[in-house]
Amino acid sequence: MINLMVGNNFEDSLLDGYIELNSKSDEVKITEMFGSIKNDPIGCAREEDRLPIFDFDKLSVFISKANSNSIKVNYTINKSCIGSIEDFKDRKEKSFYNFIKLLANQKWK
């Protein structure tokens, strides 16, 4: 079987489409999705206007639905530049750490 990791914009219609595609093939399956949201303190490589704003309740429901359909969700942290190390240590390190801790402590259903 071929397993695919595909992009994710956290739209329910996209997830529904992936689930439907998976139901039509035994040889190729979408098993992982990757993406990030706009309102995290880290940022990512994608343009902000292309990212959704999510609260953790909505994110939890989305990830739970994906997981219950055998699709993993990988949160992407890939910002090309976080600024100077001094700026990071002074202002961003705590928010970065707290955000990672929040993601890690979520109870995905």
PDB file of N, CA and C in Angstrom:
ATOM      1  N   MET A   1       0.836  -1.178   0.000  1.00  0.00           N
ATOM      2  CA  MET A   1       0.000   0.000   0.000  1.00  0.00           C
ATOM      3  C   MET A   1       0.886   1.249   0.000  1.00  0.00           C
ATOM      4  N   ILE A   2       0.426   2.293  -0.675  1.00  0.00           N
ATOM      5  CA  ILE A   2       1.115   3.575  -0.704  1.00  0.00           C
ATOM      6  C   ILE A   2       0.447   4.501   0.305  1.00  0.00           C
ATOM      7  N   ASN A   3       1.231   5.069   1.226  1.00  0.00           N
ATOM      8  CA  ASN A   3       0.734   6.018   2.217  1.00  0.00           C
ATOM      9  C   ASN A   3       1.147   7.421   1.801  1.00  0.00           C
ATOM     10  N   LEU A   4       0.207   8.345   1.817  1.00  0.00           N
ATOM     11  CA  LEU A   4       0.475   9.722   1.424  1.00  0.00           C
ATOM     12  C   LEU A   4       0.367  10.664   2.614  1.00  0.00           C
ATOM     13  N   MET A   5       1.277  11.652   2.668  1.00  0.00           N
ATOM     14  CA  MET A   5       1.183  12.762   3.604  1.00  0.00           C
ATOM     15  C   MET A   5       0.845  13.992   2.758  1.00  0.00           C
ATOM     16  N   VAL A   6      -0.263  14.658   3.091  1.00  0.00           N
ATOM     17  CA  VAL A   6      -0.754  15.753   2.257  1.00  0.00           C
ATOM     18  C   VAL A   6      -0.940  17.020   3.074  1.00  0.00           C
ATOM     19  N   GLY A   7      -1.023  18.135   2.384  1.00  0.00           N
ATOM     20  CA  GLY A   7      -1.232  19.418   3.033  1.00  0.00           C
ATOM     21  C   GLY A   7      -2.623  19.528   3.633  1.00  0.00           C
ATOM     22  N   ASN A   8      -2.739  20.461   4.563  1.00  0.00           N
ATOM     23  CA  ASN A   8      -3.958  20.603   5.351  1.00  0.00           C
ATOM     24  C   ASN A   8      -4.228  22.078   5.596  1.00  0.00           C
ATOM     25  N   ASN A   9      -5.429  22.524   5.272  1.00  0.00           N
ATOM     26  CA  ASN A   9      -5.824  23.897   5.595  1.00  0.00           C
ATOM     27  C   ASN A   9      -6.858  23.930   6.721  1.00  0.00           C
ATOM     28  N   PHE A  10      -7.082  22.783   7.333  1.00  0.00           N
ATOM     29  CA  PHE A  10      -7.997  22.623   8.465  1.00  0.00           C
ATOM     30  C   PHE A  10      -9.452  22.942   8.108  1.00  0.00           C
ATOM     31  N   GLU A  11      -9.812  22.792   6.848  1.00  0.00           N
ATOM     32  CA  GLU A  11     -11.211  22.948   6.440  1.00  0.00           C
ATOM     33  C   GLU A  11     -11.878  21.582   6.484  1.00  0.00           C
ATOM     34  N   ASP A  12     -13.078  21.551   7.049  1.00  0.00           N
ATOM     35  CA  ASP A  12     -13.806  20.292   7.161  1.00  0.00           C
ATOM     36  C   ASP A  12     -14.040  19.653   5.795  1.00  0.00           C
ATOM     37  N   SER A  13     -14.309  20.471   4.779  1.00  0.00           N
ATOM     38  CA  SER A  13     -14.577  19.924   3.442  1.00  0.00           C
ATOM     39  C   SER A  13     -13.351  19.206   2.884  1.00  0.00           C
ATOM     40  N   LEU A  14     -12.154  19.703   3.172  1.00  0.00           N
ATOM     41  CA  LEU A  14     -10.936  19.038   2.714  1.00  0.00           C
ATOM     42  C   LEU A  14     -10.778  17.685   3.407  1.00  0.00           C
ATOM     43  N   LEU A  15     -10.957  17.668   4.718  1.00  0.00           N
ATOM     44  CA  LEU A  15     -10.864  16.409   5.467  1.00  0.00           C
ATOM     45  C   LEU A  15     -11.908  15.417   4.962  1.00  0.00           C
ATOM     46  N   ASP A  16     -13.126  15.891   4.729  1.00  0.00           N
ATOM     47  CA  ASP A  16     -14.176  15.006   4.208  1.00  0.00           C
ATOM     48  C   ASP A  16     -13.772  14.423   2.853  1.00  0.00           C
ATOM     49  N   GLY A  17     -13.136  15.241   2.020  1.00  0.00           N
ATOM     50  CA  GLY A  17     -12.671  14.757   0.730  1.00  0.00           C
ATOM     51  C   GLY A  17     -11.598  13.697   0.865  1.00  0.00           C
ATOM     52  N   TYR A  18     -10.670  13.894   1.806  1.00  0.00           N
ATOM     53  CA  TYR A  18      -9.625  12.899   2.047  1.00  0.00           C
ATOM     54  C   TYR A  18     -10.233  11.589   2.545  1.00  0.00           C
ATOM     55  N   ILE A  19     -11.199  11.694   3.433  1.00  0.00           N
ATOM     56  CA  ILE A  19     -11.864  10.495   3.955  1.00  0.00           C
ATOM     57  C   ILE A  19     -12.569   9.753   2.821  1.00  0.00           C
ATOM     58  N   GLU A  20     -13.234  10.501   1.957  1.00  0.00           N
ATOM     59  CA  GLU A  20     -13.926   9.883   0.815  1.00  0.00           C
ATOM     60  C   GLU A  20     -12.938   9.205  -0.135  1.00  0.00           C
ATOM     61  N   LEU A  21     -11.828   9.881  -0.440  1.00  0.00           N
ATOM     62  CA  LEU A  21     -10.804   9.262  -1.294  1.00  0.00           C
ATOM     63  C   LEU A  21     -10.281   7.967  -0.690  1.00  0.00           C
ATOM     64  N   ASN A  22     -10.050   7.979   0.631  1.00  0.00           N
ATOM     65  CA  ASN A  22      -9.552   6.771   1.302  1.00  0.00           C
ATOM     66  C   ASN A  22     -10.534   5.617   1.190  1.00  0.00           C
ATOM     67  N   SER A  23     -11.830   5.927   1.177  1.00  0.00           N
ATOM     68  CA  SER A  23     -12.835   4.868   1.106  1.00  0.00           C
ATOM     69  C   SER A  23     -12.894   4.221  -0.282  1.00  0.00           C
ATOM     70  N   LYS A  24     -12.302   4.879  -1.279  1.00  0.00           N
ATOM     71  CA  LYS A  24     -12.378   4.384  -2.649  1.00  0.00           C
ATOM     72  C   LYS A  24     -11.175   3.567  -3.087  1.00  0.00           C
ATOM     73  N   SER A  25     -10.156   3.465  -2.232  1.00  0.00           N
ATOM     74  CA  SER A  25      -8.951   2.739  -2.636  1.00  0.00           C
ATOM     75  C   SER A  25      -8.377   1.947  -1.475  1.00  0.00           C
ATOM     76  N   ASP A  26      -7.955   0.738  -1.789  1.00  0.00           N
ATOM     77  CA  ASP A  26      -7.237  -0.068  -0.796  1.00  0.00           C
ATOM     78  C   ASP A  26      -5.730  -0.012  -1.032  1.00  0.00           C
ATOM     79  N   GLU A  27      -5.319   0.530  -2.170  1.00  0.00           N
ATOM     80  CA  GLU A  27      -3.908   0.542  -2.533  1.00  0.00           C
ATOM     81  C   GLU A  27      -3.199   1.844  -2.185  1.00  0.00           C
ATOM     82  N   VAL A  28      -3.933   2.962  -2.159  1.00  0.00           N
ATOM     83  CA  VAL A  28      -3.355   4.266  -1.846  1.00  0.00           C
ATOM     84  C   VAL A  28      -4.226   4.907  -0.767  1.00  0.00           C
ATOM     85  N   LYS A  29      -3.601   5.339   0.316  1.00  0.00           N
ATOM     86  CA  LYS A  29      -4.335   5.954   1.422  1.00  0.00           C
ATOM     87  C   LYS A  29      -3.649   7.244   1.861  1.00  0.00           C
ATOM     88  N   ILE A  30      -4.437   8.227   2.177  1.00  0.00           N
ATOM     89  CA  ILE A  30      -3.940   9.428   2.845  1.00  0.00           C
ATOM     90  C   ILE A  30      -3.901   9.085   4.322  1.00  0.00           C
ATOM     91  N   THR A  31      -2.702   9.013   4.878  1.00  0.00           N
ATOM     92  CA  THR A  31      -2.560   8.588   6.267  1.00  0.00           C
ATOM     93  C   THR A  31      -2.100   9.722   7.186  1.00  0.00           C
ATOM     94  N   GLU A  32      -1.615  10.827   6.592  1.00  0.00           N
ATOM     95  CA  GLU A  32      -1.168  11.961   7.400  1.00  0.00           C
ATOM     96  C   GLU A  32      -1.468  13.268   6.687  1.00  0.00           C
ATOM     97  N   MET A  33      -1.759  14.288   7.489  1.00  0.00           N
ATOM     98  CA  MET A  33      -1.957  15.650   7.001  1.00  0.00           C
ATOM     99  C   MET A  33      -1.005  16.549   7.779  1.00  0.00           C
ATOM    100  N   PHE A  34      -0.514  17.602   7.138  1.00  0.00           N
ATOM    101  CA  PHE A  34       0.355  18.541   7.835  1.00  0.00           C
ATOM    102  C   PHE A  34      -0.138  19.962   7.608  1.00  0.00           C
ATOM    103  N   GLY A  35       0.090  20.817   8.580  1.00  0.00           N
ATOM    104  CA  GLY A  35      -0.296  22.217   8.443  1.00  0.00           C
ATOM    105  C   GLY A  35      -0.153  22.948   9.755  1.00  0.00           C
ATOM    106  N   SER A  36      -0.450  24.238   9.722  1.00  0.00           N
ATOM    107  CA  SER A  36      -0.401  25.061  10.923  1.00  0.00           C
ATOM    108  C   SER A  36      -1.503  26.110  10.850  1.00  0.00           C
ATOM    109  N   ILE A  37      -1.741  26.756  11.970  1.00  0.00           N
ATOM    110  CA  ILE A  37      -2.798  27.756  12.048  1.00  0.00           C
ATOM    111  C   ILE A  37      -2.196  29.147  12.202  1.00  0.00           C
ATOM    112  N   LYS A  38      -2.999  30.152  11.941  1.00  0.00           N
ATOM    113  CA  LYS A  38      -2.534  31.533  11.931  1.00  0.00           C
ATOM    114  C   LYS A  38      -2.213  32.063  13.321  1.00  0.00           C
ATOM    115  N   ASN A  39      -3.005  31.711  14.288  1.00  0.00           N
ATOM    116  CA  ASN A  39      -2.908  32.336  15.600  1.00  0.00           C
ATOM    117  C   ASN A  39      -2.001  31.581  16.566  1.00  0.00           C
ATOM    118  N   ASP A  40      -0.857  31.122  16.070  1.00  0.00           N
ATOM    119  CA  ASP A  40       0.131  30.589  16.997  1.00  0.00           C
ATOM    120  C   ASP A  40       1.273  31.598  17.114  1.00  0.00           C
ATOM    121  N   PRO A  41       1.999  31.589  18.218  1.00  0.00           N
ATOM    122  CA  PRO A  41       3.033  32.607  18.434  1.00  0.00           C
ATOM    123  C   PRO A  41       4.315  32.370  17.638  1.00  0.00           C
ATOM    124  N   ILE A  42       4.408  31.260  16.943  1.00  0.00           N
ATOM    125  CA  ILE A  42       5.631  30.891  16.251  1.00  0.00           C
ATOM    126  C   ILE A  42       5.622  31.369  14.809  1.00  0.00           C
ATOM    127  N   GLY A  43       4.518  31.116  14.123  1.00  0.00           N
ATOM    128  CA  GLY A  43       4.425  31.434  12.716  1.00  0.00           C
ATOM    129  C   GLY A  43       4.935  30.279  11.871  1.00  0.00           C
ATOM    130  N   CYS A  44       4.730  30.387  10.571  1.00  0.00           N
ATOM    131  CA  CYS A  44       5.205  29.337   9.677  1.00  0.00           C
ATOM    132  C   CYS A  44       5.602  29.953   8.343  1.00  0.00           C
ATOM    133  N   ALA A  45       5.996  29.112   7.415  1.00  0.00           N
ATOM    134  CA  ALA A  45       6.494  29.585   6.130  1.00  0.00           C
ATOM    135  C   ALA A  45       5.384  30.057   5.192  1.00  0.00           C
ATOM    136  N   ARG A  46       4.151  29.637   5.413  1.00  0.00           N
ATOM    137  CA  ARG A  46       3.042  30.037   4.535  1.00  0.00           C
ATOM    138  C   ARG A  46       2.618  31.473   4.804  1.00  0.00           C
ATOM    139  N   GLU A  47       2.039  32.100   3.786  1.00  0.00           N
ATOM    140  CA  GLU A  47       1.497  33.450   3.925  1.00  0.00           C
ATOM    141  C   GLU A  47       0.373  33.438   4.964  1.00  0.00           C
ATOM    142  N   GLU A  48       0.350  34.410   5.851  1.00  0.00           N
ATOM    143  CA  GLU A  48      -0.652  34.436   6.923  1.00  0.00           C
ATOM    144  C   GLU A  48      -2.077  34.472   6.401  1.00  0.00           C
ATOM    145  N   ASP A  49      -2.313  35.130   5.256  1.00  0.00           N
ATOM    146  CA  ASP A  49      -3.683  35.208   4.749  1.00  0.00           C
ATOM    147  C   ASP A  49      -4.181  33.873   4.207  1.00  0.00           C
ATOM    148  N   ARG A  50      -3.308  32.884   4.119  1.00  0.00           N
ATOM    149  CA  ARG A  50      -3.696  31.546   3.664  1.00  0.00           C
ATOM    150  C   ARG A  50      -3.891  30.577   4.822  1.00  0.00           C
ATOM    151  N   LEU A  51      -3.712  31.053   6.046  1.00  0.00           N
ATOM    152  CA  LEU A  51      -3.825  30.191   7.223  1.00  0.00           C
ATOM    153  C   LEU A  51      -5.132  30.461   7.955  1.00  0.00           C
ATOM    154  N   PRO A  52      -5.759  29.413   8.483  1.00  0.00           N
ATOM    155  CA  PRO A  52      -6.986  29.607   9.246  1.00  0.00           C
ATOM    156  C   PRO A  52      -6.700  30.049  10.686  1.00  0.00           C
ATOM    157  N   ILE A  53      -7.680  30.723  11.278  1.00  0.00           N
ATOM    158  CA  ILE A  53      -7.637  31.031  12.702  1.00  0.00           C
ATOM    159  C   ILE A  53      -8.495  29.981  13.399  1.00  0.00           C
ATOM    160  N   PHE A  54      -7.911  29.316  14.376  1.00  0.00           N
ATOM    161  CA  PHE A  54      -8.597  28.229  15.076  1.00  0.00           C
ATOM    162  C   PHE A  54      -8.443  28.421  16.570  1.00  0.00           C
ATOM    163  N   ASP A  55      -9.472  28.027  17.302  1.00  0.00           N
ATOM    164  CA  ASP A  55      -9.285  27.880  18.732  1.00  0.00           C
ATOM    165  C   ASP A  55      -9.035  26.393  18.985  1.00  0.00           C
ATOM    166  N   PHE A  56      -8.569  26.071  20.165  1.00  0.00           N
ATOM    167  CA  PHE A  56      -8.169  24.689  20.420  1.00  0.00           C
ATOM    168  C   PHE A  56      -9.348  23.733  20.499  1.00  0.00           C
ATOM    169  N   ASP A  57     -10.538  24.218  20.819  1.00  0.00           N
ATOM    170  CA  ASP A  57     -11.700  23.329  20.799  1.00  0.00           C
ATOM    171  C   ASP A  57     -11.991  22.870  19.368  1.00  0.00           C
ATOM    172  N   LYS A  58     -11.990  23.818  18.433  1.00  0.00           N
ATOM    173  CA  LYS A  58     -12.235  23.478  17.031  1.00  0.00           C
ATOM    174  C   LYS A  58     -11.114  22.608  16.477  1.00  0.00           C
ATOM    175  N   LEU A  59      -9.889  22.931  16.833  1.00  0.00           N
ATOM    176  CA  LEU A  59      -8.743  22.132  16.394  1.00  0.00           C
ATOM    177  C   LEU A  59      -8.844  20.711  16.932  1.00  0.00           C
ATOM    178  N   SER A  60      -9.259  20.583  18.173  1.00  0.00           N
ATOM    179  CA  SER A  60      -9.406  19.269  18.793  1.00  0.00           C
ATOM    180  C   SER A  60     -10.460  18.430  18.070  1.00  0.00           C
ATOM    181  N   VAL A  61     -11.582  19.041  17.720  1.00  0.00           N
ATOM    182  CA  VAL A  61     -12.641  18.329  16.996  1.00  0.00           C
ATOM    183  C   VAL A  61     -12.124  17.875  15.631  1.00  0.00           C
ATOM    184  N   PHE A  62     -11.415  18.760  14.939  1.00  0.00           N
ATOM    185  CA  PHE A  62     -10.872  18.437  13.618  1.00  0.00           C
ATOM    186  C   PHE A  62      -9.895  17.263  13.711  1.00  0.00           C
ATOM    187  N   ILE A  63      -8.961  17.333  14.645  1.00  0.00           N
ATOM    188  CA  ILE A  63      -7.952  16.278  14.788  1.00  0.00           C
ATOM    189  C   ILE A  63      -8.596  14.972  15.225  1.00  0.00           C
ATOM    190  N   SER A  64      -9.581  15.050  16.096  1.00  0.00           N
ATOM    191  CA  SER A  64     -10.281  13.842  16.521  1.00  0.00           C
ATOM    192  C   SER A  64     -10.976  13.153  15.350  1.00  0.00           C
ATOM    193  N   LYS A  65     -11.604  13.964  14.479  1.00  0.00           N
ATOM    194  CA  LYS A  65     -12.278  13.397  13.301  1.00  0.00           C
ATOM    195  C   LYS A  65     -11.258  12.746  12.372  1.00  0.00           C
ATOM    196  N   ALA A  66     -10.133  13.418  12.156  1.00  0.00           N
ATOM    197  CA  ALA A  66      -9.084  12.842  11.312  1.00  0.00           C
ATOM    198  C   ALA A  66      -8.584  11.529  11.920  1.00  0.00           C
ATOM    199  N   ASN A  67      -8.261  11.554  13.206  1.00  0.00           N
ATOM    200  CA  ASN A  67      -7.741  10.358  13.876  1.00  0.00           C
ATOM    201  C   ASN A  67      -8.727   9.196  13.827  1.00  0.00           C
ATOM    202  N   SER A  68     -10.010   9.492  13.988  1.00  0.00           N
ATOM    203  CA  SER A  68     -11.008   8.422  13.972  1.00  0.00           C
ATOM    204  C   SER A  68     -11.173   7.825  12.572  1.00  0.00           C
ATOM    205  N   ASN A  69     -10.638   8.514  11.569  1.00  0.00           N
ATOM    206  CA  ASN A  69     -10.650   7.995  10.204  1.00  0.00           C
ATOM    207  C   ASN A  69      -9.257   7.574   9.747  1.00  0.00           C
ATOM    208  N   SER A  70      -8.400   7.233  10.714  1.00  0.00           N
ATOM    209  CA  SER A  70      -7.038   6.723  10.471  1.00  0.00           C
ATOM    210  C   SER A  70      -6.135   7.700   9.730  1.00  0.00           C
ATOM    211  N   ILE A  71      -6.337   8.997   9.992  1.00  0.00           N
ATOM    212  CA  ILE A  71      -5.482  10.029   9.417  1.00  0.00           C
ATOM    213  C   ILE A  71      -4.841  10.795  10.569  1.00  0.00           C
ATOM    214  N   LYS A  72      -3.511  10.824  10.589  1.00  0.00           N
ATOM    215  CA  LYS A  72      -2.788  11.575  11.609  1.00  0.00           C
ATOM    216  C   LYS A  72      -2.666  13.033  11.169  1.00  0.00           C
ATOM    217  N   VAL A  73      -2.573  13.928  12.139  1.00  0.00           N
ATOM    218  CA  VAL A  73      -2.353  15.337  11.842  1.00  0.00           C
ATOM    219  C   VAL A  73      -1.029  15.753  12.466  1.00  0.00           C
ATOM    220  N   ASN A  74      -0.126  16.242  11.634  1.00  0.00           N
ATOM    221  CA  ASN A  74       1.166  16.743  12.091  1.00  0.00           C
ATOM    222  C   ASN A  74       1.118  18.260  12.080  1.00  0.00           C
ATOM    223  N   TYR A  75       1.418  18.863  13.217  1.00  0.00           N
ATOM    224  CA  TYR A  75       1.450  20.320  13.288  1.00  0.00           C
ATOM    225  C   TYR A  75       2.796  20.800  12.760  1.00  0.00           C
ATOM    226  N   THR A  76       2.777  21.721  11.808  1.00  0.00           N
ATOM    227  CA  THR A  76       3.992  22.169  11.137  1.00  0.00           C
ATOM    228  C   THR A  76       4.540  23.440  11.774  1.00  0.00           C
ATOM    229  N   ILE A  77       5.790  23.377  12.188  1.00  0.00           N
ATOM    230  CA  ILE A  77       6.516  24.546  12.675  1.00  0.00           C
ATOM    231  C   ILE A  77       7.724  24.690  11.757  1.00  0.00           C
ATOM    232  N   ASN A  78       7.631  25.601  10.810  1.00  0.00           N
ATOM    233  CA  ASN A  78       8.708  25.718   9.832  1.00  0.00           C
ATOM    234  C   ASN A  78       8.964  27.163   9.413  1.00  0.00           C
ATOM    235  N   LYS A  79       8.874  28.059  10.354  1.00  0.00           N
ATOM    236  CA  LYS A  79       9.152  29.459  10.036  1.00  0.00           C
ATOM    237  C   LYS A  79      10.613  29.589   9.616  1.00  0.00           C
ATOM    238  N   SER A  80      10.841  30.317   8.534  1.00  0.00           N
ATOM    239  CA  SER A  80      12.201  30.401   7.997  1.00  0.00           C
ATOM    240  C   SER A  80      13.116  31.261   8.866  1.00  0.00           C
ATOM    241  N   CYS A  81      12.545  32.205   9.603  1.00  0.00           N
ATOM    242  CA  CYS A  81      13.376  33.064  10.444  1.00  0.00           C
ATOM    243  C   CYS A  81      12.563  33.497  11.665  1.00  0.00           C
ATOM    244  N   ILE A  82      13.069  33.255  12.834  1.00  0.00           N
ATOM    245  CA  ILE A  82      12.367  33.683  14.054  1.00  0.00           C
ATOM    246  C   ILE A  82      12.944  34.971  14.601  1.00  0.00           C
ATOM    247  N   GLY A  83      13.881  35.568  13.868  1.00  0.00           N
ATOM    248  CA  GLY A  83      14.508  36.802  14.318  1.00  0.00           C
ATOM    249  C   GLY A  83      15.829  36.505  14.997  1.00  0.00           C
ATOM    250  N   SER A  84      16.349  37.514  15.669  1.00  0.00           N
ATOM    251  CA  SER A  84      17.634  37.344  16.343  1.00  0.00           C
ATOM    252  C   SER A  84      17.461  36.470  17.582  1.00  0.00           C
ATOM    253  N   ILE A  85      18.525  35.856  18.011  1.00  0.00           N
ATOM    254  CA  ILE A  85      18.486  35.009  19.206  1.00  0.00           C
ATOM    255  C   ILE A  85      18.139  35.846  20.436  1.00  0.00           C
ATOM    256  N   GLU A  86      18.589  37.103  20.463  1.00  0.00           N
ATOM    257  CA  GLU A  86      18.262  37.971  21.592  1.00  0.00           C
ATOM    258  C   GLU A  86      16.762  38.264  21.628  1.00  0.00           C
ATOM    259  N   ASP A  87      16.190  38.553  20.456  1.00  0.00           N
ATOM    260  CA  ASP A  87      14.757  38.815  20.369  1.00  0.00           C
ATOM    261  C   ASP A  87      13.971  37.578  20.781  1.00  0.00           C
ATOM    262  N   PHE A  88      14.422  36.420  20.311  1.00  0.00           N
ATOM    263  CA  PHE A  88      13.754  35.172  20.656  1.00  0.00           C
ATOM    264  C   PHE A  88      13.808  34.937  22.156  1.00  0.00           C
ATOM    265  N   LYS A  89      14.984  35.081  22.745  1.00  0.00           N
ATOM    266  CA  LYS A  89      15.129  34.829  24.178  1.00  0.00           C
ATOM    267  C   LYS A  89      14.340  35.843  25.006  1.00  0.00           C
ATOM    268  N   ASP A  90      14.352  37.111  24.578  1.00  0.00           N
ATOM    269  CA  ASP A  90      13.683  38.160  25.352  1.00  0.00           C
ATOM    270  C   ASP A  90      12.162  38.091  25.258  1.00  0.00           C
ATOM    271  N   ARG A  91      11.630  37.818  24.061  1.00  0.00           N
ATOM    272  CA  ARG A  91      10.190  37.962  23.889  1.00  0.00           C
ATOM    273  C   ARG A  91       9.459  36.714  23.428  1.00  0.00           C
ATOM    274  N   LYS A  92      10.126  35.828  22.731  1.00  0.00           N
ATOM    275  CA  LYS A  92       9.402  34.738  22.085  1.00  0.00           C
ATOM    276  C   LYS A  92       9.582  33.380  22.728  1.00  0.00           C
ATOM    277  N   GLU A  93      10.650  33.193  23.445  1.00  0.00           N
ATOM    278  CA  GLU A  93      10.948  31.868  23.982  1.00  0.00           C
ATOM    279  C   GLU A  93       9.812  31.344  24.863  1.00  0.00           C
ATOM    280  N   LYS A  94       9.301  32.179  25.750  1.00  0.00           N
ATOM    281  CA  LYS A  94       8.238  31.734  26.653  1.00  0.00           C
ATOM    282  C   LYS A  94       6.960  31.417  25.877  1.00  0.00           C
ATOM    283  N   SER A  95       6.569  32.272  24.923  1.00  0.00           N
ATOM    284  CA  SER A  95       5.343  32.006  24.170  1.00  0.00           C
ATOM    285  C   SER A  95       5.517  30.769  23.281  1.00  0.00           C
ATOM    286  N   PHE A  96       6.709  30.572  22.726  1.00  0.00           N
ATOM    287  CA  PHE A  96       7.007  29.382  21.933  1.00  0.00           C
ATOM    288  C   PHE A  96       6.860  28.137  22.808  1.00  0.00           C
ATOM    289  N   TYR A  97       7.505  28.158  23.956  1.00  0.00           N
ATOM    290  CA  TYR A  97       7.447  27.031  24.887  1.00  0.00           C
ATOM    291  C   TYR A  97       6.008  26.759  25.323  1.00  0.00           C
ATOM    292  N   ASN A  98       5.278  27.804  25.677  1.00  0.00           N
ATOM    293  CA  ASN A  98       3.892  27.633  26.132  1.00  0.00           C
ATOM    294  C   ASN A  98       3.006  27.062  25.037  1.00  0.00           C
ATOM    295  N   PHE A  99       3.232  27.480  23.792  1.00  0.00           N
ATOM    296  CA  PHE A  99       2.434  26.962  22.686  1.00  0.00           C
ATOM    297  C   PHE A  99       2.725  25.478  22.452  1.00  0.00           C
ATOM    298  N   ILE A 100       3.987  25.098  22.474  1.00  0.00           N
ATOM    299  CA  ILE A 100       4.350  23.682  22.310  1.00  0.00           C
ATOM    300  C   ILE A 100       3.748  22.861  23.445  1.00  0.00           C
ATOM    301  N   LYS A 101       3.810  23.384  24.641  1.00  0.00           N
ATOM    302  CA  LYS A 101       3.236  22.701  25.804  1.00  0.00           C
ATOM    303  C   LYS A 101       1.720  22.548  25.638  1.00  0.00           C
ATOM    304  N   LEU A 102       1.059  23.591  25.144  1.00  0.00           N
ATOM    305  CA  LEU A 102      -0.387  23.537  24.903  1.00  0.00           C
ATOM    306  C   LEU A 102      -0.724  22.456  23.881  1.00  0.00           C
ATOM    307  N   LEU A 103       0.036  22.401  22.790  1.00  0.00           N
ATOM    308  CA  LEU A 103      -0.193  21.352  21.787  1.00  0.00           C
ATOM    309  C   LEU A 103       0.020  19.961  22.390  1.00  0.00           C
ATOM    310  N   ALA A 104       1.084  19.813  23.149  1.00  0.00           N
ATOM    311  CA  ALA A 104       1.417  18.506  23.724  1.00  0.00           C
ATOM    312  C   ALA A 104       0.396  18.052  24.760  1.00  0.00           C
ATOM    313  N   ASN A 105      -0.236  18.986  25.446  1.00  0.00           N
ATOM    314  CA  ASN A 105      -1.161  18.630  26.515  1.00  0.00           C
ATOM    315  C   ASN A 105      -2.610  18.493  26.057  1.00  0.00           C
ATOM    316  N   GLN A 106      -2.858  18.692  24.782  1.00  0.00           N
ATOM    317  CA  GLN A 106      -4.223  18.540  24.285  1.00  0.00           C
ATOM    318  C   GLN A 106      -4.651  17.088  24.401  1.00  0.00           C
ATOM    319  N   LYS A 107      -5.885  16.905  24.724  1.00  0.00           N
ATOM    320  CA  LYS A 107      -6.446  15.554  24.822  1.00  0.00           C
ATOM    321  C   LYS A 107      -7.269  15.304  23.558  1.00  0.00           C
ATOM    322  N   TRP A 108      -6.602  14.845  22.500  1.00  0.00           N
ATOM    323  CA  TRP A 108      -7.298  14.589  21.257  1.00  0.00           C
ATOM    324  C   TRP A 108      -8.169  13.366  21.451  1.00  0.00           C
ATOM    325  N   LYS A 109      -9.423  13.513  21.170  1.00  0.00           N
ATOM    326  CA  LYS A 109     -10.412  12.457  21.427  1.00  0.00           C
ATOM    327  C   LYS A 109     -10.313  11.326  20.431  1.00  0.00           C
TER     328      LYS A 109
END
